[in-house]
Amino acid sequence: MPESELGMRALTVLKMNKSKIYSLGIHYMHGVNPLNMVYLSNMYTYGAENSANKIYQCWFKDSKWSNALTSTCGPAPGYVPGGPNRSYSGGQSFG
């Protein structure tokens, strides 16, 4: 999205007086939620105390990018994984 379009969208939100409603979604993604979890990957360097440590995708399986706390590099910071899944019933394996 071009920066000008992003600016116009922000201006539209302000004109509609909906900024408080939209800010709730941003706050939720940044840790104001029942899990107190930042829904962005590996954000510890940027001040998060509890961010998504792992992206469950076969690309990252048992690699240096698999986990922010236990692997060499962890996933790239700032990615939005799927978030918690209440219907998930399996283990943490990729198999």
PDB file of N, CA and C in Angstrom:
ATOM      1  N   MET A   1       0.850  -1.169   0.000  1.00  0.00           N
ATOM      2  CA  MET A   1       0.000   0.000   0.000  1.00  0.00           C
ATOM      3  C   MET A   1       0.899   1.236   0.000  1.00  0.00           C
ATOM      4  N   PRO A   2       0.669   2.149  -0.921  1.00  0.00           N
ATOM      5  CA  PRO A   2       1.466   3.377  -0.940  1.00  0.00           C
ATOM      6  C   PRO A   2       1.274   4.179   0.344  1.00  0.00           C
ATOM      7  N   GLU A   3       2.314   4.906   0.736  1.00  0.00           N
ATOM      8  CA  GLU A   3       2.249   5.690   1.973  1.00  0.00           C
ATOM      9  C   GLU A   3       1.127   6.719   1.926  1.00  0.00           C
ATOM     10  N   SER A   4       0.873   7.283   0.754  1.00  0.00           N
ATOM     11  CA  SER A   4      -0.200   8.277   0.656  1.00  0.00           C
ATOM     12  C   SER A   4      -1.554   7.647   0.964  1.00  0.00           C
ATOM     13  N   GLU A   5      -1.758   6.408   0.507  1.00  0.00           N
ATOM     14  CA  GLU A   5      -3.023   5.730   0.797  1.00  0.00           C
ATOM     15  C   GLU A   5      -3.151   5.443   2.290  1.00  0.00           C
ATOM     16  N   LEU A   6      -2.060   5.042   2.908  1.00  0.00           N
ATOM     17  CA  LEU A   6      -2.071   4.790   4.348  1.00  0.00           C
ATOM     18  C   LEU A   6      -2.413   6.070   5.108  1.00  0.00           C
ATOM     19  N   GLY A   7      -1.839   7.177   4.684  1.00  0.00           N
ATOM     20  CA  GLY A   7      -2.140   8.463   5.307  1.00  0.00           C
ATOM     21  C   GLY A   7      -3.598   8.858   5.143  1.00  0.00           C
ATOM     22  N   MET A   8      -4.147   8.618   3.960  1.00  0.00           N
ATOM     23  CA  MET A   8      -5.554   8.945   3.720  1.00  0.00           C
ATOM     24  C   MET A   8      -6.469   8.081   4.577  1.00  0.00           C
ATOM     25  N   ARG A   9      -6.117   6.815   4.732  1.00  0.00           N
ATOM     26  CA  ARG A   9      -6.927   5.940   5.591  1.00  0.00           C
ATOM     27  C   ARG A   9      -6.889   6.419   7.037  1.00  0.00           C
ATOM     28  N   ALA A  10      -5.717   6.814   7.495  1.00  0.00           N
ATOM     29  CA  ALA A  10      -5.594   7.314   8.868  1.00  0.00           C
ATOM     30  C   ALA A  10      -6.421   8.585   9.045  1.00  0.00           C
ATOM     31  N   LEU A  11      -6.390   9.467   8.058  1.00  0.00           N
ATOM     32  CA  LEU A  11      -7.173  10.699   8.118  1.00  0.00           C
ATOM     33  C   LEU A  11      -8.670  10.394   8.136  1.00  0.00           C
ATOM     34  N   THR A  12      -9.100   9.425   7.332  1.00  0.00           N
ATOM     35  CA  THR A  12     -10.510   9.020   7.307  1.00  0.00           C
ATOM     36  C   THR A  12     -10.949   8.493   8.663  1.00  0.00           C
ATOM     37  N   VAL A  13     -10.109   7.684   9.295  1.00  0.00           N
ATOM     38  CA  VAL A  13     -10.436   7.151  10.623  1.00  0.00           C
ATOM     39  C   VAL A  13     -10.611   8.295  11.618  1.00  0.00           C
ATOM     40  N   LEU A  14      -9.713   9.276  11.577  1.00  0.00           N
ATOM     41  CA  LEU A  14      -9.825  10.416  12.493  1.00  0.00           C
ATOM     42  C   LEU A  14     -11.096  11.222  12.233  1.00  0.00           C
ATOM     43  N   LYS A  15     -11.420  11.429  10.948  1.00  0.00           N
ATOM     44  CA  LYS A  15     -12.624  12.192  10.612  1.00  0.00           C
ATOM     45  C   LYS A  15     -13.891  11.461  11.045  1.00  0.00           C
ATOM     46  N   MET A  16     -13.867  10.149  11.008  1.00  0.00           N
ATOM     47  CA  MET A  16     -15.035   9.364  11.398  1.00  0.00           C
ATOM     48  C   MET A  16     -15.130   9.228  12.915  1.00  0.00           C
ATOM     49  N   ASN A  17     -14.122   9.744  13.624  1.00  0.00           N
ATOM     50  CA  ASN A  17     -14.070   9.650  15.084  1.00  0.00           C
ATOM     51  C   ASN A  17     -14.113   8.193  15.554  1.00  0.00           C
ATOM     52  N   LYS A  18     -13.438   7.340  14.823  1.00  0.00           N
ATOM     53  CA  LYS A  18     -13.398   5.919  15.164  1.00  0.00           C
ATOM     54  C   LYS A  18     -12.028   5.505  15.689  1.00  0.00           C
ATOM     55  N   SER A  19     -11.154   6.457  15.939  1.00  0.00           N
ATOM     56  CA  SER A  19      -9.784   6.104  16.308  1.00  0.00           C
ATOM     57  C   SER A  19      -9.724   5.282  17.593  1.00  0.00           C
ATOM     58  N   LYS A  20     -10.617   5.529  18.551  1.00  0.00           N
ATOM     59  CA  LYS A  20     -10.598   4.764  19.792  1.00  0.00           C
ATOM     60  C   LYS A  20     -10.943   3.301  19.528  1.00  0.00           C
ATOM     61  N   ILE A  21     -11.926   3.060  18.681  1.00  0.00           N
ATOM     62  CA  ILE A  21     -12.324   1.687  18.359  1.00  0.00           C
ATOM     63  C   ILE A  21     -11.175   0.953  17.672  1.00  0.00           C
ATOM     64  N   TYR A  22     -10.536   1.603  16.694  1.00  0.00           N
ATOM     65  CA  TYR A  22      -9.446   0.957  15.974  1.00  0.00           C
ATOM     66  C   TYR A  22      -8.217   0.770  16.859  1.00  0.00           C
ATOM     67  N   SER A  23      -8.006   1.680  17.792  1.00  0.00           N
ATOM     68  CA  SER A  23      -6.836   1.540  18.663  1.00  0.00           C
ATOM     69  C   SER A  23      -6.972   0.331  19.586  1.00  0.00           C
ATOM     70  N   LEU A  24      -8.198  -0.085  19.888  1.00  0.00           N
ATOM     71  CA  LEU A  24      -8.382  -1.272  20.725  1.00  0.00           C
ATOM     72  C   LEU A  24      -7.780  -2.509  20.063  1.00  0.00           C
ATOM     73  N   GLY A  25      -7.928  -2.632  18.752  1.00  0.00           N
ATOM     74  CA  GLY A  25      -7.342  -3.762  18.027  1.00  0.00           C
ATOM     75  C   GLY A  25      -5.825  -3.741  18.066  1.00  0.00           C
ATOM     76  N   ILE A  26      -5.255  -2.570  17.927  1.00  0.00           N
ATOM     77  CA  ILE A  26      -3.796  -2.429  17.990  1.00  0.00           C
ATOM     78  C   ILE A  26      -3.298  -2.783  19.387  1.00  0.00           C
ATOM     79  N   HIS A  27      -3.975  -2.284  20.412  1.00  0.00           N
ATOM     80  CA  HIS A  27      -3.580  -2.598  21.790  1.00  0.00           C
ATOM     81  C   HIS A  27      -3.694  -4.099  22.057  1.00  0.00           C
ATOM     82  N   TYR A  28      -4.735  -4.726  21.524  1.00  0.00           N
ATOM     83  CA  TYR A  28      -4.923  -6.167  21.712  1.00  0.00           C
ATOM     84  C   TYR A  28      -3.737  -6.932  21.121  1.00  0.00           C
ATOM     85  N   MET A  29      -3.310  -6.557  19.904  1.00  0.00           N
ATOM     86  CA  MET A  29      -2.168  -7.229  19.269  1.00  0.00           C
ATOM     87  C   MET A  29      -0.867  -6.978  20.015  1.00  0.00           C
ATOM     88  N   HIS A  30      -0.790  -5.851  20.709  1.00  0.00           N
ATOM     89  CA  HIS A  30       0.439  -5.504  21.417  1.00  0.00           C
ATOM     90  C   HIS A  30       0.416  -5.875  22.892  1.00  0.00           C
ATOM     91  N   GLY A  31      -0.474  -6.784  23.284  1.00  0.00           N
ATOM     92  CA  GLY A  31      -0.386  -7.362  24.616  1.00  0.00           C
ATOM     93  C   GLY A  31      -1.509  -7.057  25.589  1.00  0.00           C
ATOM     94  N   VAL A  32      -2.441  -6.197  25.227  1.00  0.00           N
ATOM     95  CA  VAL A  32      -3.567  -5.920  26.118  1.00  0.00           C
ATOM     96  C   VAL A  32      -4.673  -6.917  25.772  1.00  0.00           C
ATOM     97  N   ASN A  33      -4.485  -8.154  26.215  1.00  0.00           N
ATOM     98  CA  ASN A  33      -5.408  -9.251  25.932  1.00  0.00           C
ATOM     99  C   ASN A  33      -5.336 -10.244  27.090  1.00  0.00           C
ATOM    100  N   PRO A  34      -6.227 -11.222  27.137  1.00  0.00           N
ATOM    101  CA  PRO A  34      -6.250 -12.149  28.278  1.00  0.00           C
ATOM    102  C   PRO A  34      -4.943 -12.908  28.512  1.00  0.00           C
ATOM    103  N   LEU A  35      -4.140 -13.106  27.475  1.00  0.00           N
ATOM    104  CA  LEU A  35      -2.874 -13.828  27.630  1.00  0.00           C
ATOM    105  C   LEU A  35      -1.694 -12.897  27.924  1.00  0.00           C
ATOM    106  N   ASN A  36      -1.927 -11.592  27.913  1.00  0.00           N
ATOM    107  CA  ASN A  36      -0.839 -10.610  28.045  1.00  0.00           C
ATOM    108  C   ASN A  36       0.289 -10.931  27.081  1.00  0.00           C
ATOM    109  N   MET A  37      -0.071 -11.261  25.857  1.00  0.00           N
ATOM    110  CA  MET A  37       0.899 -11.709  24.859  1.00  0.00           C
ATOM    111  C   MET A  37       0.885 -10.791  23.646  1.00  0.00           C
ATOM    112  N   VAL A  38       2.062 -10.388  23.205  1.00  0.00           N
ATOM    113  CA  VAL A  38       2.195  -9.631  21.971  1.00  0.00           C
ATOM    114  C   VAL A  38       2.063 -10.623  20.822  1.00  0.00           C
ATOM    115  N   TYR A  39       1.106 -10.396  19.930  1.00  0.00           N
ATOM    116  CA  TYR A  39       0.867 -11.326  18.826  1.00  0.00           C
ATOM    117  C   TYR A  39       1.775 -11.035  17.634  1.00  0.00           C
ATOM    118  N   LEU A  40       3.012 -10.723  17.905  1.00  0.00           N
ATOM    119  CA  LEU A  40       4.038 -10.554  16.881  1.00  0.00           C
ATOM    120  C   LEU A  40       5.206 -11.439  17.285  1.00  0.00           C
ATOM    121  N   SER A  41       5.893 -11.988  16.310  1.00  0.00           N
ATOM    122  CA  SER A  41       6.968 -12.933  16.622  1.00  0.00           C
ATOM    123  C   SER A  41       8.234 -12.231  17.106  1.00  0.00           C
ATOM    124  N   ASN A  42       8.889 -12.851  18.091  1.00  0.00           N
ATOM    125  CA  ASN A  42      10.245 -12.502  18.523  1.00  0.00           C
ATOM    126  C   ASN A  42      10.463 -11.002  18.742  1.00  0.00           C
ATOM    127  N   MET A  43       9.639 -10.382  19.558  1.00  0.00           N
ATOM    128  CA  MET A  43       9.715  -8.937  19.768  1.00  0.00           C
ATOM    129  C   MET A  43      10.422  -8.539  21.063  1.00  0.00           C
ATOM    130  N   TYR A  44      11.201  -9.427  21.634  1.00  0.00           N
ATOM    131  CA  TYR A  44      11.884  -9.142  22.902  1.00  0.00           C
ATOM    132  C   TYR A  44      12.870  -7.986  22.775  1.00  0.00           C
ATOM    133  N   THR A  45      13.574  -7.903  21.656  1.00  0.00           N
ATOM    134  CA  THR A  45      14.537  -6.826  21.431  1.00  0.00           C
ATOM    135  C   THR A  45      13.850  -5.465  21.425  1.00  0.00           C
ATOM    136  N   TYR A  46      12.573  -5.448  21.082  1.00  0.00           N
ATOM    137  CA  TYR A  46      11.818  -4.200  20.968  1.00  0.00           C
ATOM    138  C   TYR A  46      10.971  -3.908  22.203  1.00  0.00           C
ATOM    139  N   GLY A  47      11.215  -4.626  23.303  1.00  0.00           N
ATOM    140  CA  GLY A  47      10.571  -4.311  24.564  1.00  0.00           C
ATOM    141  C   GLY A  47       9.434  -5.215  24.996  1.00  0.00           C
ATOM    142  N   ALA A  48       9.050  -6.176  24.187  1.00  0.00           N
ATOM    143  CA  ALA A  48       7.965  -7.081  24.588  1.00  0.00           C
ATOM    144  C   ALA A  48       8.462  -8.033  25.670  1.00  0.00           C
ATOM    145  N   GLU A  49       7.635  -8.285  26.650  1.00  0.00           N
ATOM    146  CA  GLU A  49       7.982  -9.233  27.710  1.00  0.00           C
ATOM    147  C   GLU A  49       7.467 -10.629  27.409  1.00  0.00           C
ATOM    148  N   ASN A  50       6.445 -10.746  26.578  1.00  0.00           N
ATOM    149  CA  ASN A  50       5.845 -12.037  26.250  1.00  0.00           C
ATOM    150  C   ASN A  50       5.325 -11.976  24.819  1.00  0.00           C
ATOM    151  N   SER A  51       6.160 -12.358  23.853  1.00  0.00           N
ATOM    152  CA  SER A  51       5.721 -12.332  22.458  1.00  0.00           C
ATOM    153  C   SER A  51       5.667 -13.752  21.906  1.00  0.00           C
ATOM    154  N   ALA A  52       5.172 -13.889  20.694  1.00  0.00           N
ATOM    155  CA  ALA A  52       5.088 -15.203  20.057  1.00  0.00           C
ATOM    156  C   ALA A  52       6.505 -15.733  19.842  1.00  0.00           C
ATOM    157  N   ASN A  53       6.800 -16.875  20.431  1.00  0.00           N
ATOM    158  CA  ASN A  53       8.147 -17.442  20.350  1.00  0.00           C
ATOM    159  C   ASN A  53       8.342 -18.318  19.132  1.00  0.00           C
ATOM    160  N   LYS A  54       7.287 -18.868  18.622  1.00  0.00           N
ATOM    161  CA  LYS A  54       7.400 -19.880  17.582  1.00  0.00           C
ATOM    162  C   LYS A  54       6.313 -19.670  16.545  1.00  0.00           C
ATOM    163  N   ILE A  55       6.659 -19.882  15.287  1.00  0.00           N
ATOM    164  CA  ILE A  55       5.678 -19.889  14.209  1.00  0.00           C
ATOM    165  C   ILE A  55       5.556 -21.335  13.764  1.00  0.00           C
ATOM    166  N   TYR A  56       4.390 -21.901  13.937  1.00  0.00           N
ATOM    167  CA  TYR A  56       4.197 -23.314  13.603  1.00  0.00           C
ATOM    168  C   TYR A  56       4.011 -23.460  12.102  1.00  0.00           C
ATOM    169  N   GLN A  57       5.108 -23.656  11.411  1.00  0.00           N
ATOM    170  CA  GLN A  57       5.134 -23.827   9.967  1.00  0.00           C
ATOM    171  C   GLN A  57       6.301 -24.748   9.662  1.00  0.00           C
ATOM    172  N   CYS A  58       6.142 -25.627   8.705  1.00  0.00           N
ATOM    173  CA  CYS A  58       7.184 -26.626   8.430  1.00  0.00           C
ATOM    174  C   CYS A  58       8.511 -25.999   8.000  1.00  0.00           C
ATOM    175  N   TRP A  59       8.515 -24.783   7.497  1.00  0.00           N
ATOM    176  CA  TRP A  59       9.771 -24.139   7.117  1.00  0.00           C
ATOM    177  C   TRP A  59      10.700 -23.980   8.312  1.00  0.00           C
ATOM    178  N   PHE A  60      10.135 -23.748   9.493  1.00  0.00           N
ATOM    179  CA  PHE A  60      10.939 -23.458  10.675  1.00  0.00           C
ATOM    180  C   PHE A  60      11.202 -24.682  11.533  1.00  0.00           C
ATOM    181  N   LYS A  61      10.766 -25.839  11.104  1.00  0.00           N
ATOM    182  CA  LYS A  61      10.877 -27.061  11.905  1.00  0.00           C
ATOM    183  C   LYS A  61      12.334 -27.359  12.258  1.00  0.00           C
ATOM    184  N   ASP A  62      12.614 -27.430  13.551  1.00  0.00           N
ATOM    185  CA  ASP A  62      13.938 -27.812  14.061  1.00  0.00           C
ATOM    186  C   ASP A  62      15.080 -27.092  13.352  1.00  0.00           C
ATOM    187  N   SER A  63      14.964 -25.800  13.200  1.00  0.00           N
ATOM    188  CA  SER A  63      16.024 -25.025  12.562  1.00  0.00           C
ATOM    189  C   SER A  63      16.494 -23.934  13.520  1.00  0.00           C
ATOM    190  N   LYS A  64      17.466 -23.160  13.101  1.00  0.00           N
ATOM    191  CA  LYS A  64      17.950 -22.087  13.964  1.00  0.00           C
ATOM    192  C   LYS A  64      16.940 -20.947  14.075  1.00  0.00           C
ATOM    193  N   TRP A  65      15.857 -21.023  13.289  1.00  0.00           N
ATOM    194  CA  TRP A  65      14.802 -20.008  13.333  1.00  0.00           C
ATOM    195  C   TRP A  65      13.530 -20.523  14.009  1.00  0.00           C
ATOM    196  N   SER A  66      13.564 -21.685  14.614  1.00  0.00           N
ATOM    197  CA  SER A  66      12.321 -22.307  15.078  1.00  0.00           C
ATOM    198  C   SER A  66      11.739 -21.696  16.349  1.00  0.00           C
ATOM    199  N   ASN A  67      12.544 -21.202  17.273  1.00  0.00           N
ATOM    200  CA  ASN A  67      12.002 -20.718  18.539  1.00  0.00           C
ATOM    201  C   ASN A  67      12.821 -19.529  19.036  1.00  0.00           C
ATOM    202  N   ALA A  68      12.153 -18.475  19.448  1.00  0.00           N
ATOM    203  CA  ALA A  68      12.842 -17.259  19.898  1.00  0.00           C
ATOM    204  C   ALA A  68      13.646 -17.476  21.169  1.00  0.00           C
ATOM    205  N   LEU A  69      13.220 -18.417  22.005  1.00  0.00           N
ATOM    206  CA  LEU A  69      13.891 -18.620  23.289  1.00  0.00           C
ATOM    207  C   LEU A  69      14.932 -19.727  23.273  1.00  0.00           C
ATOM    208  N   THR A  70      14.782 -20.721  22.411  1.00  0.00           N
ATOM    209  CA  THR A  70      15.667 -21.886  22.477  1.00  0.00           C
ATOM    210  C   THR A  70      16.532 -22.110  21.249  1.00  0.00           C
ATOM    211  N   SER A  71      16.276 -21.460  20.134  1.00  0.00           N
ATOM    212  CA  SER A  71      17.104 -21.677  18.946  1.00  0.00           C
ATOM    213  C   SER A  71      18.092 -20.524  18.774  1.00  0.00           C
ATOM    214  N   THR A  72      19.014 -20.678  17.856  1.00  0.00           N
ATOM    215  CA  THR A  72      20.081 -19.702  17.650  1.00  0.00           C
ATOM    216  C   THR A  72      19.555 -18.318  17.291  1.00  0.00           C
ATOM    217  N   CYS A  73      18.659 -18.241  16.325  1.00  0.00           N
ATOM    218  CA  CYS A  73      18.173 -16.946  15.831  1.00  0.00           C
ATOM    219  C   CYS A  73      16.725 -16.641  16.199  1.00  0.00           C
ATOM    220  N   GLY A  74      15.900 -17.642  16.200  1.00  0.00           N
ATOM    221  CA  GLY A  74      14.470 -17.419  16.398  1.00  0.00           C
ATOM    222  C   GLY A  74      13.828 -16.903  15.124  1.00  0.00           C
ATOM    223  N   PRO A  75      12.504 -16.854  15.081  1.00  0.00           N
ATOM    224  CA  PRO A  75      11.837 -16.339  13.886  1.00  0.00           C
ATOM    225  C   PRO A  75      12.105 -14.845  13.723  1.00  0.00           C
ATOM    226  N   ALA A  76      11.937 -14.359  12.524  1.00  0.00           N
ATOM    227  CA  ALA A  76      12.136 -12.932  12.274  1.00  0.00           C
ATOM    228  C   ALA A  76      11.172 -12.121  13.135  1.00  0.00           C
ATOM    229  N   PRO A  77      11.613 -10.991  13.671  1.00  0.00           N
ATOM    230  CA  PRO A  77      10.730 -10.191  14.520  1.00  0.00           C
ATOM    231  C   PRO A  77       9.621  -9.515  13.718  1.00  0.00           C
ATOM    232  N   GLY A  78       8.460  -9.410  14.342  1.00  0.00           N
ATOM    233  CA  GLY A  78       7.376  -8.637  13.762  1.00  0.00           C
ATOM    234  C   GLY A  78       6.395  -9.378  12.887  1.00  0.00           C
ATOM    235  N   TYR A  79       6.566 -10.672  12.715  1.00  0.00           N
ATOM    236  CA  TYR A  79       5.599 -11.428  11.921  1.00  0.00           C
ATOM    237  C   TYR A  79       4.347 -11.680  12.752  1.00  0.00           C
ATOM    238  N   VAL A  80       3.204 -11.703  12.097  1.00  0.00           N
ATOM    239  CA  VAL A  80       1.941 -11.972  12.779  1.00  0.00           C
ATOM    240  C   VAL A  80       1.559 -13.423  12.520  1.00  0.00           C
ATOM    241  N   PRO A  81       1.821 -14.306  13.494  1.00  0.00           N
ATOM    242  CA  PRO A  81       1.382 -15.692  13.319  1.00  0.00           C
ATOM    243  C   PRO A  81      -0.126 -15.781  13.521  1.00  0.00           C
ATOM    244  N   GLY A  82      -0.673 -16.954  13.387  1.00  0.00           N
ATOM    245  CA  GLY A  82      -2.118 -17.123  13.486  1.00  0.00           C
ATOM    246  C   GLY A  82      -2.703 -16.775  14.835  1.00  0.00           C
ATOM    247  N   GLY A  83      -1.924 -16.774  15.884  1.00  0.00           N
ATOM    248  CA  GLY A  83      -2.442 -16.496  17.217  1.00  0.00           C
ATOM    249  C   GLY A  83      -2.957 -17.750  17.881  1.00  0.00           C
ATOM    250  N   PRO A  84      -3.518 -17.629  19.059  1.00  0.00           N
ATOM    251  CA  PRO A  84      -4.008 -18.804  19.774  1.00  0.00           C
ATOM    252  C   PRO A  84      -5.172 -19.448  19.023  1.00  0.00           C
ATOM    253  N   ASN A  85      -5.251 -20.740  19.121  1.00  0.00           N
ATOM    254  CA  ASN A  85      -6.302 -21.483  18.431  1.00  0.00           C
ATOM    255  C   ASN A  85      -7.004 -22.364  19.451  1.00  0.00           C
ATOM    256  N   ARG A  86      -8.194 -21.992  19.863  1.00  0.00           N
ATOM    257  CA  ARG A  86      -8.882 -22.720  20.930  1.00  0.00           C
ATOM    258  C   ARG A  86      -9.292 -24.126  20.530  1.00  0.00           C
ATOM    259  N   SER A  87      -9.373 -24.418  19.235  1.00  0.00           N
ATOM    260  CA  SER A  87      -9.771 -25.763  18.821  1.00  0.00           C
ATOM    261  C   SER A  87      -8.573 -26.679  18.576  1.00  0.00           C
ATOM    262  N   TYR A  88      -7.350 -26.180  18.778  1.00  0.00           N
ATOM    263  CA  TYR A  88      -6.155 -26.998  18.579  1.00  0.00           C
ATOM    264  C   TYR A  88      -6.076 -28.060  19.663  1.00  0.00           C
ATOM    265  N   SER A  89      -5.893 -29.311  19.267  1.00  0.00           N
ATOM    266  CA  SER A  89      -5.871 -30.393  20.258  1.00  0.00           C
ATOM    267  C   SER A  89      -4.634 -31.271  20.159  1.00  0.00           C
ATOM    268  N   GLY A  90      -3.749 -31.011  19.218  1.00  0.00           N
ATOM    269  CA  GLY A  90      -2.562 -31.843  19.040  1.00  0.00           C
ATOM    270  C   GLY A  90      -1.405 -31.394  19.901  1.00  0.00           C
ATOM    271  N   GLY A  91      -0.272 -32.027  19.699  1.00  0.00           N
ATOM    272  CA  GLY A  91       0.939 -31.650  20.407  1.00  0.00           C
ATOM    273  C   GLY A  91       1.626 -30.515  19.689  1.00  0.00           C
ATOM    274  N   GLN A  92       2.876 -30.301  20.020  1.00  0.00           N
ATOM    275  CA  GLN A  92       3.627 -29.228  19.397  1.00  0.00           C
ATOM    276  C   GLN A  92       4.561 -29.740  18.318  1.00  0.00           C
ATOM    277  N   SER A  93       4.309 -30.902  17.782  1.00  0.00           N
ATOM    278  CA  SER A  93       5.168 -31.446  16.736  1.00  0.00           C
ATOM    279  C   SER A  93       4.612 -31.080  15.368  1.00  0.00           C
ATOM    280  N   PHE A  94       5.445 -31.203  14.375  1.00  0.00           N
ATOM    281  CA  PHE A  94       5.038 -30.892  13.014  1.00  0.00           C
ATOM    282  C   PHE A  94       4.578 -32.132  12.266  1.00  0.00           C
ATOM    283  N   GLY A  95       4.740 -33.294  12.872  1.00  0.00           N
ATOM    284  CA  GLY A  95       4.461 -34.555  12.204  1.00  0.00           C
ATOM    285  C   GLY A  95       3.061 -34.865  12.162  1.00  0.00           C
TER     286      GLY A  95
END
